[in-house]
Each structure stands twice: as structure tokens, then as C-alpha cells.
Amino acid sequence: MHVVKVLVDAGADVNKLDADGNTPLHICLMRHHCEIIEILVAAGADVNKQDGEGNTPLHISLMNRRAVKESEINPAVAPKLKAVGSYHEATANVIH
């Protein structure tokens, strides 16, 4: 976690995509690194960013059957991730 703080403080791109289109936020959700999720969101990680398969960070969390709980991460972060789900559902309803 200390390394993440150092990288973020040094200006690392918190929205940088890997070869599969995942951001650091997607990867941390896959690996359940709640403290790092807080750091990334506080540093401006895009909670609406879709990965290479069109999944947002919230989708990743739900697919791993570990829905983000407000008790697991900072209460200021959880609503941002939950709002993404509402936005995505509204968009899907318009498109379909």
C-alpha cells in the first residue's frame, strides 16, 4: 500500500490501461484490495471506466461475488461505485 501512495504522489496515472483494458481500480477490485481502492478513487480513478470487455469497476466487484460493502471501504468511496451501477443500468435501458 505504501508503494501505491508513493506512485500516486509522484503522479502515476491512476487510469492507465493494461493490455486487457483494465485500470488499476479494476485490478484492485479483482484482488479485493480495499485500502488501495480508496487511494485510487481519492486520487481521481475513473469509477465509470470500462475495461476491455465493457465492465466497470462495480461490475468487476459483482462478478467476483464480493459486492463492495460500505463497511469494507471508506464510506465516501462506496457511493461512487454504487452510482456507476445506476448509471450503467439507465444507459442499458435506453440502448436496449
PDB file of N, CA and C in Angstrom:
ATOM      1  N   MET A   1       0.830  -1.182   0.000  1.00  0.00           N
ATOM      2  CA  MET A   1       0.000   0.000   0.000  1.00  0.00           C
ATOM      3  C   MET A   1       0.879   1.252   0.000  1.00  0.00           C
ATOM      4  N   HIS A   2       1.983   1.212   0.721  1.00  0.00           N
ATOM      5  CA  HIS A   2       2.884   2.362   0.757  1.00  0.00           C
ATOM      6  C   HIS A   2       3.405   2.686  -0.643  1.00  0.00           C
ATOM      7  N   VAL A   3       3.714   1.657  -1.402  1.00  0.00           N
ATOM      8  CA  VAL A   3       4.227   1.852  -2.763  1.00  0.00           C
ATOM      9  C   VAL A   3       3.184   2.557  -3.623  1.00  0.00           C
ATOM     10  N   VAL A   4       1.926   2.191  -3.474  1.00  0.00           N
ATOM     11  CA  VAL A   4       0.851   2.827  -4.242  1.00  0.00           C
ATOM     12  C   VAL A   4       0.777   4.309  -3.905  1.00  0.00           C
ATOM     13  N   LYS A   5       0.860   4.643  -2.625  1.00  0.00           N
ATOM     14  CA  LYS A   5       0.826   6.052  -2.214  1.00  0.00           C
ATOM     15  C   LYS A   5       1.990   6.822  -2.821  1.00  0.00           C
ATOM     16  N   VAL A   6       3.171   6.222  -2.803  1.00  0.00           N
ATOM     17  CA  VAL A   6       4.353   6.873  -3.372  1.00  0.00           C
ATOM     18  C   VAL A   6       4.156   7.105  -4.864  1.00  0.00           C
ATOM     19  N   LEU A   7       3.662   6.101  -5.571  1.00  0.00           N
ATOM     20  CA  LEU A   7       3.442   6.235  -7.014  1.00  0.00           C
ATOM     21  C   LEU A   7       2.394   7.298  -7.326  1.00  0.00           C
ATOM     22  N   VAL A   8       1.301   7.293  -6.583  1.00  0.00           N
ATOM     23  CA  VAL A   8       0.239   8.284  -6.795  1.00  0.00           C
ATOM     24  C   VAL A   8       0.773   9.681  -6.507  1.00  0.00           C
ATOM     25  N   ASP A   9       1.505   9.827  -5.402  1.00  0.00           N
ATOM     26  CA  ASP A   9       2.077  11.133  -5.054  1.00  0.00           C
ATOM     27  C   ASP A   9       3.074  11.613  -6.101  1.00  0.00           C
ATOM     28  N   ALA A  10       3.722  10.675  -6.785  1.00  0.00           N
ATOM     29  CA  ALA A  10       4.693  11.022  -7.827  1.00  0.00           C
ATOM     30  C   ALA A  10       4.025  11.299  -9.173  1.00  0.00           C
ATOM     31  N   GLY A  11       2.691  11.171  -9.217  1.00  0.00           N
ATOM     32  CA  GLY A  11       1.972  11.499 -10.441  1.00  0.00           C
ATOM     33  C   GLY A  11       1.644  10.331 -11.345  1.00  0.00           C
ATOM     34  N   ALA A  12       1.698   9.121 -10.819  1.00  0.00           N
ATOM     35  CA  ALA A  12       1.350   7.948 -11.638  1.00  0.00           C
ATOM     36  C   ALA A  12      -0.079   8.082 -12.155  1.00  0.00           C
ATOM     37  N   ASP A  13      -0.304   7.614 -13.364  1.00  0.00           N
ATOM     38  CA  ASP A  13      -1.627   7.671 -13.993  1.00  0.00           C
ATOM     39  C   ASP A  13      -2.510   6.577 -13.406  1.00  0.00           C
ATOM     40  N   VAL A  14      -3.481   6.979 -12.566  1.00  0.00           N
ATOM     41  CA  VAL A  14      -4.356   6.005 -11.900  1.00  0.00           C
ATOM     42  C   VAL A  14      -5.390   5.415 -12.850  1.00  0.00           C
ATOM     43  N   ASN A  15      -5.444   5.908 -14.076  1.00  0.00           N
ATOM     44  CA  ASN A  15      -6.390   5.389 -15.065  1.00  0.00           C
ATOM     45  C   ASN A  15      -5.690   4.689 -16.229  1.00  0.00           C
ATOM     46  N   LYS A  16      -4.410   4.406 -16.073  1.00  0.00           N
ATOM     47  CA  LYS A  16      -3.622   3.739 -17.115  1.00  0.00           C
ATOM     48  C   LYS A  16      -4.186   2.347 -17.380  1.00  0.00           C
ATOM     49  N   LEU A  17      -4.338   2.017 -18.644  1.00  0.00           N
ATOM     50  CA  LEU A  17      -4.875   0.709 -19.036  1.00  0.00           C
ATOM     51  C   LEU A  17      -3.756  -0.301 -19.240  1.00  0.00           C
ATOM     52  N   ASP A  18      -4.017  -1.549 -18.832  1.00  0.00           N
ATOM     53  CA  ASP A  18      -3.078  -2.619 -19.148  1.00  0.00           C
ATOM     54  C   ASP A  18      -3.455  -3.209 -20.508  1.00  0.00           C
ATOM     55  N   ALA A  19      -2.804  -4.274 -20.922  1.00  0.00           N
ATOM     56  CA  ALA A  19      -3.043  -4.872 -22.241  1.00  0.00           C
ATOM     57  C   ALA A  19      -4.472  -5.385 -22.411  1.00  0.00           C
ATOM     58  N   ASP A  20      -5.158  -5.674 -21.301  1.00  0.00           N
ATOM     59  CA  ASP A  20      -6.535  -6.170 -21.359  1.00  0.00           C
ATOM     60  C   ASP A  20      -7.572  -5.071 -21.161  1.00  0.00           C
ATOM     61  N   GLY A  21      -7.108  -3.836 -21.067  1.00  0.00           N
ATOM     62  CA  GLY A  21      -8.033  -2.720 -20.883  1.00  0.00           C
ATOM     63  C   GLY A  21      -8.448  -2.488 -19.443  1.00  0.00           C
ATOM     64  N   ASN A  22      -7.726  -3.076 -18.497  1.00  0.00           N
ATOM     65  CA  ASN A  22      -8.028  -2.893 -17.079  1.00  0.00           C
ATOM     66  C   ASN A  22      -7.270  -1.706 -16.512  1.00  0.00           C
ATOM     67  N   THR A  23      -7.936  -0.952 -15.660  1.00  0.00           N
ATOM     68  CA  THR A  23      -7.270   0.107 -14.913  1.00  0.00           C
ATOM     69  C   THR A  23      -6.794  -0.484 -13.587  1.00  0.00           C
ATOM     70  N   PRO A  24      -5.957   0.241 -12.861  1.00  0.00           N
ATOM     71  CA  PRO A  24      -5.576  -0.243 -11.528  1.00  0.00           C
ATOM     72  C   PRO A  24      -6.794  -0.503 -10.633  1.00  0.00           C
ATOM     73  N   LEU A  25      -7.848   0.301 -10.792  1.00  0.00           N
ATOM     74  CA  LEU A  25      -9.053   0.108  -9.988  1.00  0.00           C
ATOM     75  C   LEU A  25      -9.717  -1.234 -10.305  1.00  0.00           C
ATOM     76  N   HIS A  26      -9.816  -1.579 -11.580  1.00  0.00           N
ATOM     77  CA  HIS A  26     -10.370  -2.885 -11.961  1.00  0.00           C
ATOM     78  C   HIS A  26      -9.563  -4.017 -11.309  1.00  0.00           C
ATOM     79  N   ILE A  27      -8.257  -3.915 -11.411  1.00  0.00           N
ATOM     80  CA  ILE A  27      -7.380  -4.970 -10.899  1.00  0.00           C
ATOM     81  C   ILE A  27      -7.495  -5.089  -9.379  1.00  0.00           C
ATOM     82  N   CYS A  28      -7.536  -3.952  -8.690  1.00  0.00           N
ATOM     83  CA  CYS A  28      -7.659  -3.998  -7.227  1.00  0.00           C
ATOM     84  C   CYS A  28      -8.991  -4.592  -6.797  1.00  0.00           C
ATOM     85  N   LEU A  29     -10.033  -4.334  -7.551  1.00  0.00           N
ATOM     86  CA  LEU A  29     -11.323  -4.942  -7.230  1.00  0.00           C
ATOM     87  C   LEU A  29     -11.293  -6.447  -7.467  1.00  0.00           C
ATOM     88  N   MET A  30     -10.608  -6.886  -8.514  1.00  0.00           N
ATOM     89  CA  MET A  30     -10.481  -8.321  -8.774  1.00  0.00           C
ATOM     90  C   MET A  30      -9.749  -9.020  -7.635  1.00  0.00           C
ATOM     91  N   ARG A  31      -8.816  -8.290  -7.027  1.00  0.00           N
ATOM     92  CA  ARG A  31      -7.973  -8.890  -5.979  1.00  0.00           C
ATOM     93  C   ARG A  31      -8.393  -8.481  -4.569  1.00  0.00           C
ATOM     94  N   HIS A  32      -9.480  -7.724  -4.475  1.00  0.00           N
ATOM     95  CA  HIS A  32     -10.058  -7.337  -3.181  1.00  0.00           C
ATOM     96  C   HIS A  32      -9.120  -6.497  -2.314  1.00  0.00           C
ATOM     97  N   HIS A  33      -8.415  -5.553  -2.928  1.00  0.00           N
ATOM     98  CA  HIS A  33      -7.507  -4.661  -2.197  1.00  0.00           C
ATOM     99  C   HIS A  33      -8.241  -3.368  -1.833  1.00  0.00           C
ATOM    100  N   CYS A  34      -9.088  -3.446  -0.814  1.00  0.00           N
ATOM    101  CA  CYS A  34      -9.967  -2.329  -0.465  1.00  0.00           C
ATOM    102  C   CYS A  34      -9.216  -1.052  -0.091  1.00  0.00           C
ATOM    103  N   GLU A  35      -8.103  -1.167   0.619  1.00  0.00           N
ATOM    104  CA  GLU A  35      -7.361   0.035   1.005  1.00  0.00           C
ATOM    105  C   GLU A  35      -6.783   0.732  -0.218  1.00  0.00           C
ATOM    106  N   ILE A  36      -6.333  -0.033  -1.180  1.00  0.00           N
ATOM    107  CA  ILE A  36      -5.781   0.567  -2.399  1.00  0.00           C
ATOM    108  C   ILE A  36      -6.897   1.171  -3.240  1.00  0.00           C
ATOM    109  N   ILE A  37      -8.072   0.561  -3.229  1.00  0.00           N
ATOM    110  CA  ILE A  37      -9.226   1.127  -3.935  1.00  0.00           C
ATOM    111  C   ILE A  37      -9.495   2.533  -3.425  1.00  0.00           C
ATOM    112  N   GLU A  38      -9.459   2.714  -2.114  1.00  0.00           N
ATOM    113  CA  GLU A  38      -9.682   4.030  -1.522  1.00  0.00           C
ATOM    114  C   GLU A  38      -8.651   5.034  -2.017  1.00  0.00           C
ATOM    115  N   ILE A  39      -7.398   4.628  -2.059  1.00  0.00           N
ATOM    116  CA  ILE A  39      -6.325   5.512  -2.516  1.00  0.00           C
ATOM    117  C   ILE A  39      -6.551   5.899  -3.971  1.00  0.00           C
ATOM    118  N   LEU A  40      -6.874   4.930  -4.809  1.00  0.00           N
ATOM    119  CA  LEU A  40      -7.069   5.198  -6.235  1.00  0.00           C
ATOM    120  C   LEU A  40      -8.246   6.134  -6.489  1.00  0.00           C
ATOM    121  N   VAL A  41      -9.364   5.896  -5.814  1.00  0.00           N
ATOM    122  CA  VAL A  41     -10.539   6.752  -6.009  1.00  0.00           C
ATOM    123  C   VAL A  41     -10.245   8.161  -5.510  1.00  0.00           C
ATOM    124  N   ALA A  42      -9.578   8.272  -4.371  1.00  0.00           N
ATOM    125  CA  ALA A  42      -9.220   9.592  -3.837  1.00  0.00           C
ATOM    126  C   ALA A  42      -8.281  10.332  -4.788  1.00  0.00           C
ATOM    127  N   ALA A  43      -7.477   9.576  -5.540  1.00  0.00           N
ATOM    128  CA  ALA A  43      -6.532  10.170  -6.486  1.00  0.00           C
ATOM    129  C   ALA A  43      -7.158  10.450  -7.848  1.00  0.00           C
ATOM    130  N   GLY A  44      -8.455  10.178  -7.986  1.00  0.00           N
ATOM    131  CA  GLY A  44      -9.142  10.500  -9.228  1.00  0.00           C
ATOM    132  C   GLY A  44      -9.360   9.344 -10.183  1.00  0.00           C
ATOM    133  N   ALA A  45      -9.239   8.118  -9.704  1.00  0.00           N
ATOM    134  CA  ALA A  45      -9.506   6.968 -10.576  1.00  0.00           C
ATOM    135  C   ALA A  45     -10.932   7.067 -11.113  1.00  0.00           C
ATOM    136  N   ASP A  46     -11.085   6.799 -12.392  1.00  0.00           N
ATOM    137  CA  ASP A  46     -12.383   6.904 -13.065  1.00  0.00           C
ATOM    138  C   ASP A  46     -13.234   5.680 -12.741  1.00  0.00           C
ATOM    139  N   VAL A  47     -14.247   5.877 -11.889  1.00  0.00           N
ATOM    140  CA  VAL A  47     -15.107   4.760 -11.490  1.00  0.00           C
ATOM    141  C   VAL A  47     -16.087   4.368 -12.591  1.00  0.00           C
ATOM    142  N   ASN A  48     -16.157   5.158 -13.652  1.00  0.00           N
ATOM    143  CA  ASN A  48     -17.033   4.850 -14.783  1.00  0.00           C
ATOM    144  C   ASN A  48     -16.290   4.168 -15.929  1.00  0.00           C
ATOM    145  N   LYS A  49     -14.986   4.042 -15.813  1.00  0.00           N
ATOM    146  CA  LYS A  49     -14.159   3.488 -16.887  1.00  0.00           C
ATOM    147  C   LYS A  49     -14.484   2.016 -17.111  1.00  0.00           C
ATOM    148  N   GLN A  50     -14.710   1.669 -18.352  1.00  0.00           N
ATOM    149  CA  GLN A  50     -14.976   0.276 -18.705  1.00  0.00           C
ATOM    150  C   GLN A  50     -13.677  -0.408 -19.107  1.00  0.00           C
ATOM    151  N   ASP A  51     -13.590  -1.693 -18.783  1.00  0.00           N
ATOM    152  CA  ASP A  51     -12.417  -2.461 -19.180  1.00  0.00           C
ATOM    153  C   ASP A  51     -12.572  -2.920 -20.630  1.00  0.00           C
ATOM    154  N   GLY A  52     -11.689  -3.764 -21.096  1.00  0.00           N
ATOM    155  CA  GLY A  52     -11.729  -4.248 -22.468  1.00  0.00           C
ATOM    156  C   GLY A  52     -12.985  -5.028 -22.815  1.00  0.00           C
ATOM    157  N   GLU A  53     -13.711  -5.492 -21.804  1.00  0.00           N
ATOM    158  CA  GLU A  53     -14.949  -6.238 -22.028  1.00  0.00           C
ATOM    159  C   GLU A  53     -16.190  -5.410 -21.716  1.00  0.00           C
ATOM    160  N   GLY A  54     -15.990  -4.130 -21.423  1.00  0.00           N
ATOM    161  CA  GLY A  54     -17.122  -3.249 -21.145  1.00  0.00           C
ATOM    162  C   GLY A  54     -17.578  -3.220 -19.700  1.00  0.00           C
ATOM    163  N   ASN A  55     -16.806  -3.809 -18.805  1.00  0.00           N
ATOM    164  CA  ASN A  55     -17.181  -3.851 -17.393  1.00  0.00           C
ATOM    165  C   ASN A  55     -16.608  -2.670 -16.621  1.00  0.00           C
ATOM    166  N   THR A  56     -17.437  -2.085 -15.777  1.00  0.00           N
ATOM    167  CA  THR A  56     -16.985  -1.018 -14.890  1.00  0.00           C
ATOM    168  C   THR A  56     -16.421  -1.655 -13.621  1.00  0.00           C
ATOM    169  N   PRO A  57     -15.783  -0.865 -12.773  1.00  0.00           N
ATOM    170  CA  PRO A  57     -15.298  -1.418 -11.504  1.00  0.00           C
ATOM    171  C   PRO A  57     -16.396  -2.103 -10.683  1.00  0.00           C
ATOM    172  N   LEU A  58     -17.592  -1.555 -10.668  1.00  0.00           N
ATOM    173  CA  LEU A  58     -18.677  -2.185  -9.918  1.00  0.00           C
ATOM    174  C   LEU A  58     -19.016  -3.553 -10.505  1.00  0.00           C
ATOM    175  N   HIS A  59     -19.042  -3.651 -11.818  1.00  0.00           N
ATOM    176  CA  HIS A  59     -19.323  -4.940 -12.453  1.00  0.00           C
ATOM    177  C   HIS A  59     -18.281  -5.983 -12.055  1.00  0.00           C
ATOM    178  N   ILE A  60     -17.025  -5.581 -12.027  1.00  0.00           N
ATOM    179  CA  ILE A  60     -15.950  -6.497 -11.632  1.00  0.00           C
ATOM    180  C   ILE A  60     -16.207  -7.009 -10.218  1.00  0.00           C
ATOM    181  N   SER A  61     -16.544  -6.093  -9.337  1.00  0.00           N
ATOM    182  CA  SER A  61     -16.807  -6.471  -7.950  1.00  0.00           C
ATOM    183  C   SER A  61     -17.964  -7.459  -7.853  1.00  0.00           C
ATOM    184  N   LEU A  62     -19.031  -7.185  -8.565  1.00  0.00           N
ATOM    185  CA  LEU A  62     -20.204  -8.053  -8.515  1.00  0.00           C
ATOM    186  C   LEU A  62     -19.938  -9.407  -9.164  1.00  0.00           C
ATOM    187  N   MET A  63     -19.178  -9.413 -10.241  1.00  0.00           N
ATOM    188  CA  MET A  63     -18.860 -10.681 -10.899  1.00  0.00           C
ATOM    189  C   MET A  63     -18.029 -11.583  -9.997  1.00  0.00           C
ATOM    190  N   ASN A  64     -17.231 -10.988  -9.142  1.00  0.00           N
ATOM    191  CA  ASN A  64     -16.423 -11.766  -8.208  1.00  0.00           C
ATOM    192  C   ASN A  64     -17.205 -12.131  -6.959  1.00  0.00           C
ATOM    193  N   ARG A  65     -18.505 -11.825  -6.967  1.00  0.00           N
ATOM    194  CA  ARG A  65     -19.394 -12.133  -5.840  1.00  0.00           C
ATOM    195  C   ARG A  65     -18.924 -11.527  -4.539  1.00  0.00           C
ATOM    196  N   ARG A  66     -18.261 -10.396  -4.670  1.00  0.00           N
ATOM    197  CA  ARG A  66     -17.845  -9.648  -3.491  1.00  0.00           C
ATOM    198  C   ARG A  66     -18.290  -8.218  -3.691  1.00  0.00           C
ATOM    199  N   ALA A  67     -19.575  -8.017  -3.675  1.00  0.00           N
ATOM    200  CA  ALA A  67     -20.106  -6.677  -3.858  1.00  0.00           C
ATOM    201  C   ALA A  67     -19.456  -5.751  -2.849  1.00  0.00           C
ATOM    202  N   VAL A  68     -19.143  -4.558  -3.307  1.00  0.00           N
ATOM    203  CA  VAL A  68     -18.495  -3.591  -2.437  1.00  0.00           C
ATOM    204  C   VAL A  68     -19.434  -3.237  -1.295  1.00  0.00           C
ATOM    205  N   LYS A  69     -18.971  -3.454  -0.093  1.00  0.00           N
ATOM    206  CA  LYS A  69     -19.760  -3.125   1.086  1.00  0.00           C
ATOM    207  C   LYS A  69     -19.213  -1.841   1.682  1.00  0.00           C
ATOM    208  N   GLU A  70     -20.107  -0.993   2.129  1.00  0.00           N
ATOM    209  CA  GLU A  70     -19.663   0.256   2.728  1.00  0.00           C
ATOM    210  C   GLU A  70     -18.774   0.010   3.935  1.00  0.00           C
ATOM    211  N   SER A  71     -18.934  -1.129   4.602  1.00  0.00           N
ATOM    212  CA  SER A  71     -18.111  -1.420   5.772  1.00  0.00           C
ATOM    213  C   SER A  71     -16.688  -1.822   5.388  1.00  0.00           C
ATOM    214  N   GLU A  72     -16.471  -2.214   4.133  1.00  0.00           N
ATOM    215  CA  GLU A  72     -15.145  -2.654   3.712  1.00  0.00           C
ATOM    216  C   GLU A  72     -14.271  -1.510   3.239  1.00  0.00           C
ATOM    217  N   ILE A  73     -14.887  -0.460   2.730  1.00  0.00           N
ATOM    218  CA  ILE A  73     -14.108   0.665   2.230  1.00  0.00           C
ATOM    219  C   ILE A  73     -14.674   1.961   2.773  1.00  0.00           C
ATOM    220  N   ASN A  74     -13.947   3.006   2.583  1.00  0.00           N
ATOM    221  CA  ASN A  74     -14.341   4.329   3.049  1.00  0.00           C
ATOM    222  C   ASN A  74     -15.747   4.656   2.575  1.00  0.00           C
ATOM    223  N   PRO A  75     -16.614   5.127   3.464  1.00  0.00           N
ATOM    224  CA  PRO A  75     -17.993   5.451   3.084  1.00  0.00           C
ATOM    225  C   PRO A  75     -18.092   6.469   1.948  1.00  0.00           C
ATOM    226  N   ALA A  76     -17.074   7.282   1.756  1.00  0.00           N
ATOM    227  CA  ALA A  76     -17.100   8.256   0.663  1.00  0.00           C
ATOM    228  C   ALA A  76     -16.855   7.589  -0.688  1.00  0.00           C
ATOM    229  N   VAL A  77     -16.243   6.425  -0.697  1.00  0.00           N
ATOM    230  CA  VAL A  77     -15.915   5.730  -1.938  1.00  0.00           C
ATOM    231  C   VAL A  77     -17.065   4.842  -2.400  1.00  0.00           C
ATOM    232  N   ALA A  78     -17.692   4.119  -1.502  1.00  0.00           N
ATOM    233  CA  ALA A  78     -18.746   3.166  -1.863  1.00  0.00           C
ATOM    234  C   ALA A  78     -19.871   3.784  -2.678  1.00  0.00           C
ATOM    235  N   PRO A  79     -20.401   4.961  -2.307  1.00  0.00           N
ATOM    236  CA  PRO A  79     -21.486   5.534  -3.117  1.00  0.00           C
ATOM    237  C   PRO A  79     -21.063   5.841  -4.553  1.00  0.00           C
ATOM    238  N   LYS A  80     -19.801   6.204  -4.762  1.00  0.00           N
ATOM    239  CA  LYS A  80     -19.323   6.478  -6.122  1.00  0.00           C
ATOM    240  C   LYS A  80     -19.380   5.214  -6.963  1.00  0.00           C
ATOM    241  N   LEU A  81     -18.963   4.097  -6.385  1.00  0.00           N
ATOM    242  CA  LEU A  81     -19.000   2.841  -7.126  1.00  0.00           C
ATOM    243  C   LEU A  81     -20.431   2.385  -7.342  1.00  0.00           C
ATOM    244  N   LYS A  82     -21.286   2.568  -6.344  1.00  0.00           N
ATOM    245  CA  LYS A  82     -22.684   2.173  -6.484  1.00  0.00           C
ATOM    246  C   LYS A  82     -23.394   3.025  -7.525  1.00  0.00           C
ATOM    247  N   ALA A  83     -23.056   4.294  -7.614  1.00  0.00           N
ATOM    248  CA  ALA A  83     -23.683   5.186  -8.588  1.00  0.00           C
ATOM    249  C   ALA A  83     -23.380   4.738 -10.008  1.00  0.00           C
ATOM    250  N   VAL A  84     -22.225   4.160 -10.210  1.00  0.00           N
ATOM    251  CA  VAL A  84     -21.863   3.658 -11.534  1.00  0.00           C
ATOM    252  C   VAL A  84     -22.868   2.617 -11.984  1.00  0.00           C
ATOM    253  N   GLY A  85     -23.283   1.747 -11.085  1.00  0.00           N
ATOM    254  CA  GLY A  85     -24.262   0.722 -11.428  1.00  0.00           C
ATOM    255  C   GLY A  85     -25.569   1.330 -11.872  1.00  0.00           C
ATOM    256  N   SER A  86     -26.034   2.357 -11.190  1.00  0.00           N
ATOM    257  CA  SER A  86     -27.279   3.024 -11.566  1.00  0.00           C
ATOM    258  C   SER A  86     -27.151   3.664 -12.936  1.00  0.00           C
ATOM    259  N   TYR A  87     -26.016   4.312 -13.179  1.00  0.00           N
ATOM    260  CA  TYR A  87     -25.781   4.967 -14.459  1.00  0.00           C
ATOM    261  C   TYR A  87     -25.766   3.930 -15.577  1.00  0.00           C
ATOM    262  N   HIS A  88     -25.076   2.823 -15.355  1.00  0.00           N
ATOM    263  CA  HIS A  88     -24.968   1.789 -16.383  1.00  0.00           C
ATOM    264  C   HIS A  88     -26.336   1.173 -16.679  1.00  0.00           C
ATOM    265  N   GLU A  89     -27.140   0.915 -15.642  1.00  0.00           N
ATOM    266  CA  GLU A  89     -28.471   0.339 -15.846  1.00  0.00           C
ATOM    267  C   GLU A  89     -29.362   1.284 -16.639  1.00  0.00           C
ATOM    268  N   ALA A  90     -29.311   2.572 -16.327  1.00  0.00           N
ATOM    269  CA  ALA A  90     -30.126   3.550 -17.044  1.00  0.00           C
ATOM    270  C   ALA A  90     -29.716   3.608 -18.511  1.00  0.00           C
ATOM    271  N   THR A  91     -28.420   3.575 -18.756  1.00  0.00           N
ATOM    272  CA  THR A  91     -27.921   3.601 -20.130  1.00  0.00           C
ATOM    273  C   THR A  91     -28.328   2.333 -20.870  1.00  0.00           C
ATOM    274  N   ALA A  92     -28.215   1.194 -20.213  1.00  0.00           N
ATOM    275  CA  ALA A  92     -28.584  -0.074 -20.850  1.00  0.00           C
ATOM    276  C   ALA A  92     -30.062  -0.081 -21.205  1.00  0.00           C
ATOM    277  N   ASN A  93     -30.904   0.483 -20.350  1.00  0.00           N
ATOM    278  CA  ASN A  93     -32.335   0.527 -20.630  1.00  0.00           C
ATOM    279  C   ASN A  93     -32.646   1.389 -21.841  1.00  0.00           C
ATOM    280  N   VAL A  94     -31.912   2.468 -22.014  1.00  0.00           N
ATOM    281  CA  VAL A  94     -32.127   3.347 -23.165  1.00  0.00           C
ATOM    282  C   VAL A  94     -31.672   2.658 -24.445  1.00  0.00           C
ATOM    283  N   ILE A  95     -30.534   1.991 -24.376  1.00  0.00           N
ATOM    284  CA  ILE A  95     -29.971   1.341 -25.559  1.00  0.00           C
ATOM    285  C   ILE A  95     -30.801   0.138 -25.975  1.00  0.00           C
ATOM    286  N   HIS A  96     -31.252  -0.647 -25.009  1.00  0.00           N
ATOM    287  CA  HIS A  96     -31.994  -1.872 -25.326  1.00  0.00           C
ATOM    288  C   HIS A  96     -33.456  -1.540 -25.296  1.00  0.00           C
TER     289      HIS A  96
END
